[in-house]
Protein backbone atom coordinates (compact mmCIF):
# COMPACT_ATOMS: atom_id res chain seq x y z
CA MET A 1 15.69 -20.43 -27.38
CA LYS A 2 17.49 -18.52 -24.70
CA THR A 3 16.01 -17.37 -21.36
CA TYR A 4 17.27 -14.32 -19.23
CA LEU A 5 16.28 -13.03 -15.72
CA VAL A 6 14.88 -9.40 -16.28
CA GLY A 7 13.60 -6.36 -14.43
CA GLY A 8 13.23 -6.09 -10.82
CA ALA A 9 14.92 -9.16 -9.64
CA VAL A 10 18.24 -8.17 -11.38
CA ARG A 11 17.78 -4.34 -10.32
CA ASP A 12 17.16 -5.10 -6.65
CA ARG A 13 20.04 -7.57 -6.48
CA LEU A 14 22.44 -5.11 -7.94
CA LEU A 15 21.13 -2.59 -5.34
CA GLY A 16 21.72 -5.04 -2.49
CA LEU A 17 18.01 -5.46 -1.98
CA ALA A 18 16.00 -8.41 -1.16
CA PRO A 19 14.63 -9.57 -4.74
CA GLY A 20 11.02 -9.86 -5.31
CA ASP A 21 9.20 -11.61 -8.20
CA ARG A 22 11.55 -13.15 -10.62
CA ASP A 23 10.58 -12.35 -14.21
CA HIS A 24 12.17 -13.96 -17.30
CA VAL A 25 12.35 -13.03 -21.02
CA VAL A 26 12.48 -15.83 -23.58
CA VAL A 27 14.24 -15.19 -26.93
CA GLY A 28 13.76 -17.06 -30.07
CA ALA A 29 10.61 -19.23 -29.05
CA THR A 30 6.91 -19.45 -30.11
CA PRO A 31 4.06 -19.90 -27.83
CA GLU A 32 3.74 -23.59 -29.21
CA GLN A 33 7.18 -24.40 -28.04
CA MET A 34 6.49 -23.14 -24.57
CA LEU A 35 3.38 -25.07 -24.28
CA ALA A 36 5.21 -28.07 -25.47
CA GLN A 37 7.52 -27.81 -22.54
CA GLY A 38 4.79 -27.61 -19.91
CA PHE A 39 4.31 -23.98 -19.55
CA LYS A 40 0.98 -22.53 -18.71
CA PRO A 41 -0.27 -19.55 -20.57
CA VAL A 42 -1.47 -16.46 -18.43
CA GLY A 43 -1.06 -13.43 -20.72
CA ARG A 44 -4.00 -11.76 -22.31
CA ASP A 45 -2.16 -8.85 -24.25
CA PHE A 46 1.08 -10.70 -25.08
CA PRO A 47 2.51 -14.20 -24.54
CA VAL A 48 3.23 -14.75 -20.87
CA PHE A 49 3.67 -18.23 -19.29
CA LEU A 50 4.10 -19.76 -15.91
CA HIS A 51 6.93 -22.17 -15.39
CA PRO A 52 5.51 -25.61 -14.65
CA ALA A 53 7.73 -26.22 -11.51
CA SER A 54 8.56 -22.71 -10.06
CA ALA A 55 5.32 -20.84 -11.25
CA GLU A 56 7.78 -17.82 -12.32
CA GLU A 57 6.68 -15.75 -15.26
CA TYR A 58 8.34 -16.21 -18.59
CA ALA A 59 7.35 -13.67 -21.33
CA LEU A 60 8.27 -14.08 -24.94
CA ALA A 61 10.57 -11.22 -26.22
CA ARG A 62 8.46 -8.52 -27.76
CA THR A 63 8.30 -5.08 -29.23
CA GLU A 64 5.49 -2.75 -28.98
CA ARG A 65 4.26 0.09 -31.27
CA LYS A 66 2.00 2.75 -30.55
CA SER A 67 -1.58 2.51 -32.01
CA GLY A 68 -3.54 4.92 -30.10
CA ARG A 69 -3.84 7.27 -27.17
CA GLY A 70 -3.37 6.10 -23.50
CA TYR A 71 -1.61 3.19 -22.02
CA ARG A 72 -3.61 0.54 -23.87
CA GLY A 73 -3.05 1.75 -27.40
CA PHE A 74 -0.26 -0.65 -28.41
CA VAL A 75 0.27 -3.34 -31.06
CA VAL A 76 2.49 -6.22 -29.71
CA ASP A 77 4.95 -8.23 -31.85
CA ALA A 78 6.17 -11.41 -30.11
CA ASP A 79 8.01 -12.82 -33.13
CA PRO A 80 10.69 -15.44 -32.45
CA ALA A 81 12.99 -12.95 -34.29
CA VAL A 82 12.73 -10.15 -31.63
CA THR A 83 16.12 -9.86 -30.08
CA LEU A 84 16.91 -9.37 -26.55
CA GLU A 85 18.08 -5.77 -27.20
CA GLU A 86 14.78 -4.99 -28.83
CA ASP A 87 12.79 -6.31 -25.80
CA LEU A 88 15.00 -4.27 -23.40
CA ALA A 89 14.56 -1.16 -25.50
CA ARG A 90 10.70 -1.23 -24.92
CA ARG A 91 11.01 -1.16 -20.88
CA ASP A 92 10.24 1.81 -18.87
CA PHE A 93 13.65 2.73 -17.17
CA THR A 94 17.21 1.90 -17.78
CA ILE A 95 17.48 0.37 -14.42
CA ASN A 96 14.82 -2.12 -15.26
CA ALA A 97 16.23 -3.03 -18.67
CA ILE A 98 18.99 -5.13 -17.44
CA ALA A 99 19.10 -9.03 -18.25
CA GLU A 100 21.08 -11.75 -16.79
CA ASP A 101 21.78 -15.08 -18.36
CA PRO A 102 21.80 -18.50 -16.38
CA ASP A 103 25.65 -18.13 -15.98
CA GLY A 104 25.29 -14.63 -14.25
CA ARG A 105 26.38 -12.45 -17.25
CA LEU A 106 24.71 -9.11 -17.38
CA PHE A 107 23.32 -7.72 -20.63
CA ASP A 108 23.00 -3.85 -20.30
CA PRO A 109 22.61 -2.10 -23.65
CA LEU A 110 20.96 0.97 -22.17
CA GLY A 111 23.49 1.72 -19.15
CA GLY A 112 21.07 0.59 -16.56
CA VAL A 113 24.04 -0.49 -14.31
CA ALA A 114 25.77 2.97 -14.37
CA ASP A 115 22.42 4.76 -13.55
CA LEU A 116 21.99 2.43 -10.58
CA GLN A 117 25.46 3.23 -9.51
CA ALA A 118 24.65 7.16 -10.09
CA ARG A 119 21.19 6.63 -8.26
CA VAL A 120 19.31 7.97 -11.33
CA LEU A 121 15.95 7.08 -12.67
CA ARG A 122 16.25 7.55 -16.48
CA HIS A 123 13.71 6.45 -19.22
CA ALA A 124 14.77 3.69 -21.39
CA GLY A 125 14.18 5.52 -24.81
CA PRO A 126 11.77 7.84 -26.52
CA ALA A 127 8.92 5.27 -26.53
CA PHE A 128 8.62 6.03 -22.63
CA ALA A 129 6.36 9.02 -23.70
CA GLU A 130 3.85 6.52 -25.43
CA ASP A 131 2.55 5.34 -22.08
CA PRO A 132 1.14 7.72 -19.57
CA LEU A 133 1.19 5.17 -16.86
CA ARG A 134 4.89 5.65 -16.72
CA VAL A 135 4.60 8.87 -15.14
CA LEU A 136 3.01 7.41 -12.19
CA ARG A 137 5.50 4.60 -12.31
CA ALA A 138 8.26 7.04 -12.01
CA ALA A 139 6.81 8.62 -9.04
CA ARG A 140 6.33 5.27 -7.43
CA PHE A 141 9.75 4.14 -7.89
CA MET A 142 10.89 7.30 -6.33
CA ALA A 143 8.72 6.46 -3.24
CA ARG A 144 10.56 3.39 -3.09
CA PHE A 145 14.08 4.50 -3.93
CA ALA A 146 14.31 8.17 -2.72
CA GLY A 147 15.75 6.94 0.58
CA LEU A 148 18.75 5.31 -1.52
CA GLY A 149 19.55 8.72 -2.96
CA PHE A 150 17.84 8.38 -6.29
CA SER A 151 16.54 11.34 -8.38
CA VAL A 152 14.67 11.59 -11.71
CA ALA A 153 17.04 12.33 -14.59
CA PRO A 154 16.32 15.95 -15.82
CA GLN A 155 15.58 14.65 -19.29
CA THR A 156 13.11 12.09 -18.06
CA LEU A 157 11.38 14.90 -16.00
CA GLN A 158 11.05 17.11 -19.17
CA LEU A 159 9.65 14.18 -20.95
CA MET A 160 6.89 13.46 -18.31
CA ARG A 161 6.17 17.28 -18.25
CA GLY A 162 5.39 17.05 -22.04
CA MET A 163 3.13 13.83 -21.42
CA VAL A 164 1.31 15.74 -18.80
CA ALA A 165 0.96 19.03 -20.95
CA ALA A 166 -0.38 16.87 -23.93
CA GLY A 167 -3.21 15.49 -21.96
CA GLU A 168 -1.98 11.89 -21.99
CA LEU A 169 -2.83 11.23 -18.31
CA ALA A 170 -6.46 11.79 -18.88
CA GLU A 171 -6.44 8.26 -20.64
CA LEU A 172 -5.71 6.44 -17.50
CA VAL A 173 -8.39 4.54 -15.84
CA PRO A 174 -9.07 5.05 -12.05
CA GLU A 175 -8.03 1.60 -11.23
CA ARG A 176 -4.56 1.96 -12.56
CA VAL A 177 -4.15 5.22 -10.81
CA TRP A 178 -5.27 3.77 -7.50
CA GLN A 179 -2.95 0.78 -8.13
CA GLU A 180 0.09 2.91 -8.47
CA LEU A 181 -1.01 5.48 -5.60
CA SER A 182 -1.69 2.30 -3.12
CA ARG A 183 1.73 0.74 -3.94
CA ALA A 184 3.65 4.18 -3.44
CA LEU A 185 1.88 4.49 -0.05
CA ARG A 186 3.44 1.26 1.06
CA TYR A 187 6.95 2.38 0.57
CA GLN A 188 9.35 4.29 2.76
CA ALA A 189 8.99 7.67 1.20
CA PRO A 190 5.43 8.39 -0.10
CA ALA A 191 6.18 12.17 -0.01
CA ALA A 192 8.60 11.58 -2.81
CA PHE A 193 5.76 10.20 -5.10
CA LEU A 194 3.75 13.56 -4.26
CA ARG A 195 6.90 15.76 -5.14
CA THR A 196 7.52 13.72 -8.36
CA LEU A 197 4.11 14.15 -9.57
CA ARG A 198 4.07 17.63 -8.62
CA GLU A 199 7.36 18.53 -10.37
CA CYS A 200 5.85 17.36 -13.82
CA GLY A 201 2.31 18.73 -13.34
CA ALA A 202 0.78 15.37 -12.90
CA LEU A 203 -0.38 15.79 -9.15
CA ALA A 204 -2.96 18.37 -10.23
CA GLN A 205 -4.38 15.95 -12.79
CA VAL A 206 -4.53 12.80 -10.75
CA LEU A 207 -4.83 14.05 -7.15
CA PRO A 208 -6.06 17.71 -7.35
CA GLU A 209 -7.45 17.60 -3.84
CA VAL A 210 -3.90 16.95 -2.51
CA ASP A 211 -2.17 19.40 -4.93
CA ALA A 212 -4.52 22.15 -3.75
CA LEU A 213 -2.80 21.95 -0.24
CA TYR A 214 0.45 23.27 -1.63
CA GLY A 215 0.87 27.10 -0.88
CA VAL A 216 -1.84 27.30 1.70
CA PRO A 217 -0.50 28.73 4.92
CA GLN A 218 -1.02 27.36 8.44
CA ARG A 219 -0.23 29.05 11.73
CA ALA A 220 3.48 28.80 12.40
CA GLU A 221 3.09 28.08 16.26
CA PHE A 222 1.40 24.95 15.33
CA HIS A 223 3.05 24.26 11.93
CA PRO A 224 6.61 25.52 11.68
CA GLU A 225 6.75 24.13 8.01
CA ILE A 226 3.80 26.69 7.41
CA ASP A 227 2.90 25.41 3.93
CA THR A 228 0.12 22.76 4.22
CA GLY A 229 1.58 20.78 1.37
CA ALA A 230 4.89 20.45 3.11
CA HIS A 231 2.95 19.33 6.20
CA GLN A 232 1.36 16.58 4.08
CA GLU A 233 4.57 15.38 2.95
CA LEU A 234 5.87 15.12 6.49
CA VAL A 235 2.73 13.30 7.51
CA SER A 236 2.84 10.80 4.67
CA ASP A 237 6.35 9.92 5.28
CA LEU A 238 5.75 9.62 9.12
CA ALA A 239 2.87 7.41 8.46
CA ALA A 240 4.99 5.15 6.42
CA ARG A 241 7.38 4.87 9.35
CA LEU A 242 4.73 4.27 11.91
CA ALA A 243 2.72 1.67 9.78
CA PRO A 244 5.37 0.13 7.34
CA GLY A 245 3.70 -1.23 4.22
CA ASP A 246 0.20 -0.08 5.26
CA ASP A 247 -1.46 1.70 2.62
CA VAL A 248 -4.74 1.92 4.32
CA VAL A 249 -3.02 3.97 7.14
CA GLY A 250 -0.99 5.67 4.46
CA PHE A 251 -4.19 6.78 2.49
CA ALA A 252 -6.13 8.18 5.63
CA ALA A 253 -2.76 10.17 6.32
CA LEU A 254 -2.64 11.59 2.87
CA THR A 255 -6.09 12.86 2.86
CA HIS A 256 -6.67 13.90 6.59
CA ASP A 257 -6.26 17.68 5.70
CA LEU A 258 -8.04 18.12 2.51
CA GLY A 259 -10.50 20.59 4.00
CA LYS A 260 -7.56 23.17 4.33
CA ALA A 261 -7.52 23.70 0.88
CA LEU A 262 -11.05 25.05 1.07
CA THR A 263 -10.45 27.53 3.83
CA ALA A 264 -11.42 31.09 2.88
CA ALA A 265 -8.43 33.41 2.26
CA THR A 266 -10.02 36.03 4.73
CA VAL A 267 -9.50 33.56 7.78
CA LEU A 268 -6.07 32.19 6.87
CA PRO A 269 -3.79 31.02 8.48
CA ALA A 270 -6.50 29.50 10.73
CA HIS A 271 -8.55 26.41 9.55
CA ILE A 272 -11.59 26.34 11.83
CA GLY A 273 -13.73 23.54 10.72
CA HIS A 274 -11.40 22.15 8.25
CA GLU A 275 -12.04 18.61 9.55
CA HIS A 276 -15.59 18.68 8.55
CA ALA A 277 -14.78 20.65 5.39
CA GLY A 278 -12.51 17.95 4.15
CA LEU A 279 -15.14 15.16 4.08
CA ALA A 280 -16.86 16.36 0.77
CA PRO A 281 -13.43 16.43 -1.25
CA LEU A 282 -12.24 13.17 0.39
CA ARG A 283 -15.59 11.41 -0.64
CA ALA A 284 -15.22 12.77 -4.23
CA LEU A 285 -11.59 11.59 -4.54
CA CYS A 286 -12.76 8.10 -3.07
CA ALA A 287 -15.58 7.82 -5.65
CA ARG A 288 -13.20 8.95 -8.72
CA LEU A 289 -10.45 6.43 -7.92
CA LYS A 290 -12.73 3.77 -6.76
CA VAL A 291 -10.98 3.49 -3.41
CA PRO A 292 -11.57 0.28 -1.55
CA ALA A 293 -14.22 0.61 1.41
CA GLU A 294 -11.64 0.00 4.13
CA HIS A 295 -9.29 2.71 2.86
CA ARG A 296 -12.28 5.03 2.52
CA GLU A 297 -13.76 4.34 5.91
CA LEU A 298 -10.53 4.97 7.88
CA ALA A 299 -9.80 8.02 5.85
CA LEU A 300 -13.23 9.57 6.71
CA MET A 301 -12.77 8.81 10.32
CA ALA A 302 -9.27 10.43 10.46
CA CYS A 303 -10.51 13.43 8.58
CA ARG A 304 -13.31 14.10 10.84
CA GLU A 305 -11.87 12.98 14.27
CA HIS A 306 -8.15 13.95 14.33
CA LEU A 307 -8.51 17.11 16.13
CA ASN A 308 -10.79 15.37 18.59
CA VAL A 309 -7.99 12.72 19.29
CA HIS A 310 -5.42 15.28 19.61
CA ARG A 311 -7.23 16.88 22.35
CA LEU A 312 -8.49 13.65 23.91
CA ALA A 313 -7.67 14.76 27.50
CA GLU A 314 -9.97 17.67 27.23
CA LEU A 315 -13.02 15.63 26.13
CA ARG A 316 -15.49 14.49 28.56
CA ASP A 317 -15.96 10.78 29.01
CA ALA A 318 -19.38 10.76 27.26
CA THR A 319 -17.63 12.52 24.36
CA VAL A 320 -14.75 10.02 24.17
CA HIS A 321 -17.47 7.42 24.14
CA ASP A 322 -19.22 8.82 21.27
CA LEU A 323 -16.14 9.35 19.28
CA LEU A 324 -15.51 5.73 19.50
CA ALA A 325 -19.10 4.81 18.61
CA ARG A 326 -19.00 7.17 15.51
CA CYS A 327 -16.04 5.28 14.38
CA ASP A 328 -18.04 1.93 14.91
CA GLY A 329 -15.21 1.17 17.32
CA PHE A 330 -17.38 -1.18 19.45
CA ARG A 331 -18.66 -3.53 16.47
CA LYS A 332 -15.44 -3.23 14.60
CA PRO A 333 -12.76 -2.75 17.44
CA ALA A 334 -9.78 -3.24 15.10
CA ARG A 335 -10.60 0.38 13.55
CA ILE A 336 -9.33 2.26 16.48
CA ALA A 337 -5.51 1.43 16.37
CA PRO A 338 -5.15 2.65 12.81
CA LEU A 339 -6.91 5.85 13.68
CA ALA A 340 -4.44 6.40 16.51
CA LEU A 341 -1.64 6.01 14.22
CA VAL A 342 -2.89 8.45 11.50
CA CYS A 343 -3.62 11.10 14.21
CA GLU A 344 0.00 10.56 15.55
CA ALA A 345 1.43 10.86 12.02
CA ASP A 346 -0.48 14.24 11.71
CA LYS A 347 0.67 15.54 15.02
CA ARG A 348 4.33 14.69 14.62
CA GLY A 349 4.42 15.31 10.90
CA ARG A 350 5.59 18.86 11.56
CA MET A 351 9.02 20.42 11.08
CA GLY A 352 11.10 19.80 14.19
CA ARG A 353 8.51 17.64 15.91
CA GLU A 354 9.03 14.27 14.40
CA GLN A 355 10.45 12.95 17.54
CA ASP A 356 7.62 14.24 19.76
CA ASP A 357 5.75 11.79 22.15
CA TYR A 358 2.09 11.24 21.39
CA PRO A 359 0.48 9.88 24.49
CA GLN A 360 -3.12 10.54 22.98
CA GLY A 361 -2.76 7.55 20.78
CA ARG A 362 -1.94 5.24 23.68
CA GLU A 363 -4.60 6.81 25.84
CA LEU A 364 -7.35 6.36 23.13
CA LEU A 365 -6.47 2.69 22.84
CA ARG A 366 -6.47 2.29 26.75
CA LEU A 367 -9.88 4.02 26.92
CA HIS A 368 -11.21 2.01 24.10
CA ALA A 369 -10.06 -1.31 25.78
CA ALA A 370 -11.89 -0.22 29.04
CA ALA A 371 -15.03 0.60 27.12
CA LEU A 372 -14.73 -2.85 25.14
CA ALA A 373 -14.66 -4.72 28.37
CA VAL A 374 -18.14 -3.93 29.38
CA ASN A 375 -20.35 -6.79 28.46
CA ALA A 376 -23.81 -6.20 27.32
CA ARG A 377 -24.99 -9.57 28.75
CA ASP A 378 -24.42 -8.45 32.27
CA LEU A 379 -26.68 -5.55 31.53
CA ALA A 380 -29.74 -7.49 30.41
CA THR A 381 -31.58 -6.94 33.61
CA GLU A 382 -32.26 -4.09 35.87
CA PRO A 383 -30.91 -4.32 39.60
CA GLY A 384 -34.43 -5.66 40.48
CA GLY A 385 -34.39 -8.41 38.08
CA VAL A 386 -36.81 -6.76 35.31
CA ALA A 387 -35.66 -7.61 31.82
CA LEU A 388 -34.58 -4.79 29.71
CA SER A 389 -35.87 -4.12 26.31
CA GLY A 390 -33.66 -3.47 23.20
CA PRO A 391 -33.47 0.39 23.43
CA GLN A 392 -32.94 0.15 27.25
CA ILE A 393 -30.12 -2.28 26.99
CA GLY A 394 -28.45 0.23 24.36
CA ALA A 395 -28.63 3.09 26.73
CA ALA A 396 -27.64 0.98 29.82
CA LEU A 397 -24.59 -0.04 27.71
CA ARG A 398 -23.59 3.36 26.72
CA GLU A 399 -23.70 4.59 30.36
CA ALA A 400 -21.61 1.60 31.42
CA ARG A 401 -19.18 2.28 28.89
CA ILE A 402 -18.97 5.93 29.64
CA ALA A 403 -18.43 4.79 33.49
CA ALA A 404 -15.80 2.45 32.52
CA ILE A 405 -13.94 5.28 30.61
CA GLY A 406 -14.30 7.31 33.64
CA ARG A 407 -12.94 4.79 35.86
CA ALA A 408 -10.01 4.08 33.43
CA ARG A 409 -9.09 7.86 33.64
CA LYS A 410 -9.44 7.95 37.43
CA ALA A 411 -7.06 4.95 37.83
CA ILE A 412 -4.36 6.85 35.97
CA SER A 413 -4.98 10.36 37.49
CA GLY A 414 -5.21 8.91 41.02
């Protein structure tokens, strides 16, 4: 029985990155032997165990044989006779098919170390085409590693195109698509995720609402990049800079402009009303991928309100209040700061304007704080001492908050 460290822990160490989870493969063992040593079984589809002390994952070496369509159609063989080389050959990419023994010796039968040095994402073998989820994984790895200079090997990209053309991606369940998308949005370059999917034709299948933005023109004086898809890529990457690791902000940034794909050709490159037109496709996307409520709600707010936040200085005090109220910013005040970040990513996510200041975001937070400081308990009675009813308290609270917003503005302008 031999144990090797495999996968991301080896890859990331060789790249000089902080390693994440440590996964191990065990060659020459049976499930009964693992249990006898105190390992706890956790795998449902194949034998995976947790170490009794470290709780790290130890999987028995296995091979996989395609038995149907999609990413679930596999027969797994975890016989003790399965070799390390056979186990590594079933993995997705060469850079994930490197093993390290307890003495630090590397086993690299597929050339993963050379691909790490060349910054190439290459499929480990022809079995890659048997799992459609790997198309999304390739795009997600690009979101993580594009900043290091990685690119997808031409042969791998061609293989991905063939998988898309064969309709394999139709077998993916929404939860797995969302899992890969949300993880990609936490990395530094989510635009690389979009570009990779688009290059192989997968973006139109998994995110058709986003794919439809490419080729749609915008007014050059506001968007020097012109193409709405190019703008979306800039916004997504800027959101990743402003809110590192925050896929809630990332998803709202990704979907804030979906309405521009629905603009009639006769009025292009203007997009009047796109913020409201985008709500229907956004709701459809969220329903299809079963997007969590927190992500959905911020995305809907950002889609509807981003132009209002951009022109915050032009809004009346009452209009600012009502914007905050529409976002439920008084009952759920934590919503407003992420909204400001999404709007900032949109405004600065334009060619040549990445370094622009965005005072609207700070002002929105300042006016929100001023309105929040109004206490409903202080408004429970009229000046003459008469108790107010529920609706009267609500009206008085609105007026007091509007007044507080006005005072906060005057304090700056004065």
